[in-house]
Protein backbone atom coordinates (compact mmCIF):
# COMPACT_ATOMS: atom_id res chain seq x y z
CA MET A 1 -31.53 -10.15 -25.14
CA THR A 2 -29.14 -12.45 -27.17
CA ASN A 3 -25.66 -13.19 -25.52
CA THR A 4 -23.69 -10.91 -27.96
CA LEU A 5 -20.12 -10.14 -27.20
CA GLY A 6 -21.27 -6.71 -26.03
CA VAL A 7 -23.73 -8.12 -23.51
CA ARG A 8 -21.00 -10.43 -22.43
CA MET A 9 -18.49 -7.77 -21.95
CA GLN A 10 -21.20 -5.75 -19.90
CA ARG A 11 -21.43 -8.60 -17.54
CA PHE A 12 -17.78 -8.92 -17.23
CA TYR A 13 -17.67 -5.21 -16.13
CA GLU A 14 -20.34 -5.64 -13.75
CA ARG A 15 -18.61 -9.03 -12.42
CA LEU A 16 -15.49 -6.72 -11.93
CA ASN A 17 -17.41 -4.81 -9.11
CA VAL A 18 -18.06 -8.19 -7.03
CA ASP A 19 -15.31 -10.55 -7.88
CA ARG A 20 -12.48 -7.86 -8.77
CA GLU A 21 -9.33 -9.65 -9.84
CA ARG A 22 -11.16 -13.11 -10.18
CA ALA A 23 -12.99 -11.54 -13.03
CA LEU A 24 -10.15 -11.30 -15.17
CA GLU A 25 -10.06 -15.27 -15.77
CA GLU A 26 -12.81 -14.01 -18.48
CA LEU A 27 -10.37 -12.23 -20.55
CA PRO A 28 -9.19 -14.85 -22.84
CA ASP A 29 -12.90 -15.40 -23.71
CA LEU A 30 -13.52 -11.82 -24.43
CA TYR A 31 -10.51 -10.45 -25.97
CA THR A 32 -8.01 -11.73 -28.60
CA ASP A 33 -4.29 -12.65 -27.60
CA ASP A 34 -3.18 -9.47 -29.69
CA ILE A 35 -5.95 -7.05 -28.17
CA ALA A 36 -4.82 -3.29 -28.64
CA PHE A 37 -6.06 -0.99 -25.85
CA PHE A 38 -6.07 2.59 -25.84
CA CYS A 39 -7.08 5.10 -23.04
CA PRO A 40 -6.14 8.52 -21.91
CA MET A 41 -3.42 6.93 -19.51
CA GLU A 42 -1.98 4.14 -21.30
CA THR A 43 -1.49 1.97 -24.46
CA ARG A 44 -1.54 -1.72 -24.17
CA TYR A 45 -0.73 -4.48 -26.72
CA GLY A 46 -1.34 -8.01 -26.15
CA LEU A 47 -3.44 -9.91 -23.67
CA ALA A 48 -1.01 -10.51 -21.04
CA THR A 49 -0.12 -6.98 -20.99
CA PHE A 50 -3.67 -5.91 -20.76
CA LYS A 51 -4.34 -8.13 -17.86
CA ARG A 52 -1.32 -6.75 -15.93
CA SER A 53 -2.85 -3.28 -16.41
CA TRP A 54 -6.07 -4.38 -14.79
CA GLU A 55 -4.02 -6.21 -12.08
CA PHE A 56 -2.05 -2.89 -11.07
CA ALA A 57 -5.33 -0.96 -10.91
CA PHE A 58 -6.91 -3.34 -8.68
CA ALA A 59 -3.89 -3.25 -6.43
CA SER A 60 -3.46 0.42 -6.47
CA TYR A 61 -6.82 1.95 -5.96
CA LYS A 62 -8.95 1.69 -2.85
CA MET A 63 -12.12 1.56 -5.10
CA PHE A 64 -12.53 0.54 -8.64
CA GLU A 65 -15.99 0.31 -9.99
CA PHE A 66 -18.29 0.42 -12.93
CA HIS A 67 -21.89 1.63 -13.04
CA ASP A 68 -24.71 3.03 -15.17
CA PHE A 69 -24.35 1.18 -18.21
CA THR A 70 -25.45 1.79 -21.65
CA LEU A 71 -24.65 -0.65 -24.54
CA VAL A 72 -24.95 0.30 -28.21
CA ASP A 73 -24.60 -3.22 -29.91
CA GLY A 74 -23.75 -3.28 -33.39
CA SER A 75 -23.46 -6.30 -35.83
CA ASP A 76 -19.42 -6.35 -35.93
CA ASN A 77 -18.54 -3.57 -33.21
CA PHE A 78 -20.11 -2.08 -30.05
CA ALA A 79 -19.99 0.57 -27.67
CA LEU A 80 -20.33 0.53 -23.97
CA PHE A 81 -20.84 3.78 -21.96
CA TYR A 82 -20.60 3.57 -18.12
CA THR A 83 -19.38 5.57 -15.25
CA MET A 84 -16.18 4.46 -13.64
CA LYS A 85 -15.60 5.49 -10.01
CA VAL A 86 -12.15 5.32 -8.85
CA GLN A 87 -10.62 6.23 -5.43
CA MET A 88 -6.86 6.62 -5.12
CA ARG A 89 -4.84 6.64 -1.84
CA VAL A 90 -5.65 10.05 -1.41
CA GLY A 91 -8.55 12.36 -2.12
CA ARG A 92 -12.33 11.54 -2.57
CA PRO A 93 -13.56 8.98 -5.17
CA MET A 94 -13.60 10.10 -8.58
CA GLU A 95 -16.78 9.35 -11.01
CA THR A 96 -15.75 9.67 -14.61
CA PRO A 97 -17.96 9.11 -17.59
CA VAL A 98 -16.32 6.60 -20.02
CA GLY A 99 -17.09 5.91 -23.57
CA ALA A 100 -15.64 2.56 -24.97
CA LEU A 101 -15.54 1.39 -28.64
CA PHE A 102 -14.91 -2.11 -29.13
CA ARG A 103 -13.83 -3.52 -32.45
CA VAL A 104 -14.38 -7.22 -32.93
CA ARG A 105 -12.65 -9.92 -34.92
CA ASP A 106 -13.56 -13.48 -34.81
CA GLY A 107 -15.94 -13.00 -31.97
CA LYS A 108 -13.70 -11.40 -29.59
CA CYS A 109 -12.40 -7.77 -28.89
CA HIS A 110 -9.34 -6.80 -30.79
CA GLU A 111 -9.26 -3.27 -30.17
CA GLN A 112 -10.65 -1.21 -27.34
CA ILE A 113 -10.39 2.61 -27.30
CA ASP A 114 -11.60 4.19 -23.93
CA TYR A 115 -12.47 7.87 -23.91
CA TRP A 116 -12.59 9.98 -20.70
CA ASP A 117 -11.72 13.27 -19.16
CA ASN A 118 -8.39 12.15 -17.25
CA VAL A 119 -7.27 15.58 -16.33
CA GLY A 120 -10.96 16.45 -14.91
CA GLY A 121 -11.21 13.18 -13.27
CA VAL A 122 -7.96 13.94 -11.22
CA ALA A 123 -8.72 17.19 -10.45
CA SER A 124 -11.96 15.96 -9.01
CA ILE A 125 -10.51 14.18 -5.97
CA TRP A 126 -9.88 17.78 -4.52
CA VAL A 127 -12.79 20.01 -4.81
CA PRO A 128 -10.60 23.47 -5.12
CA ALA A 129 -8.72 21.91 -7.96
CA PHE A 130 -11.89 20.76 -9.81
CA ARG A 131 -13.58 24.06 -9.47
CA GLY A 132 -10.31 25.54 -10.83
CA TYR A 133 -10.06 23.06 -13.60
CA ARG A 134 -13.79 23.78 -14.68
CA TRP A 135 -13.37 27.63 -14.42
CA ALA A 136 -10.18 27.24 -16.82
CA VAL A 137 -11.72 24.91 -19.20
CA SER A 138 -14.92 26.97 -19.38
CA LYS A 139 -13.37 30.10 -19.96
CA LEU A 140 -10.70 29.03 -22.59
CA LEU A 141 -12.81 26.51 -24.44
CA SER A 142 -16.43 27.47 -24.28
CA GLY A 143 -16.21 31.12 -23.72
CA GLY A 144 -18.52 31.14 -20.51
CA ARG A 145 -18.94 30.50 -16.87
CA SER A 146 -18.67 26.61 -15.82
CA VAL A 147 -22.49 26.77 -14.94
CA GLU A 148 -25.05 28.95 -16.92
CA GLY A 149 -28.49 28.35 -17.60
CA THR A 150 -31.60 27.65 -15.79
CA PRO A 151 -31.77 28.70 -12.42
CA GLY A 152 -32.57 25.92 -9.96
CA ARG A 153 -31.26 23.00 -11.61
CA MET A 154 -28.48 21.14 -9.81
CA ASP A 155 -25.22 20.86 -11.96
CA PRO A 156 -24.78 16.97 -11.80
CA ILE A 157 -21.03 17.49 -12.00
CA ARG A 158 -20.19 19.59 -9.06
């Protein structure tokens, strides 16, 4: 496997699990100074602002990890899919599937767009809230129960 920016980005996310804030030293090698970062919680412009967002996350969460990576590497852009596991100061850890699109300019990421279910993730820290969330979303958006189909198969989201 070649050492593309996508491969290096995945290694960076893997390193975050071990080295935490120390891994942030790699940001200037991976991102342009004018990085534009978008996710369900925030929009950040500029490398310094983006770094502060990472620092806040590490300072605020009891757990902040990334696992189960799938890299879809294109010639100019790439996507990284992974599971983000976060534990806030209260509640159980939440595992949230993430899809991240990286747009590349001059060998570095200049735009990153992360997609995840922010409301479902937060609701998952308390089981009754998550069950209510799943019920409401299923009823309103899919017209059925939150779990339907083949009996005997476990719902991986529960």
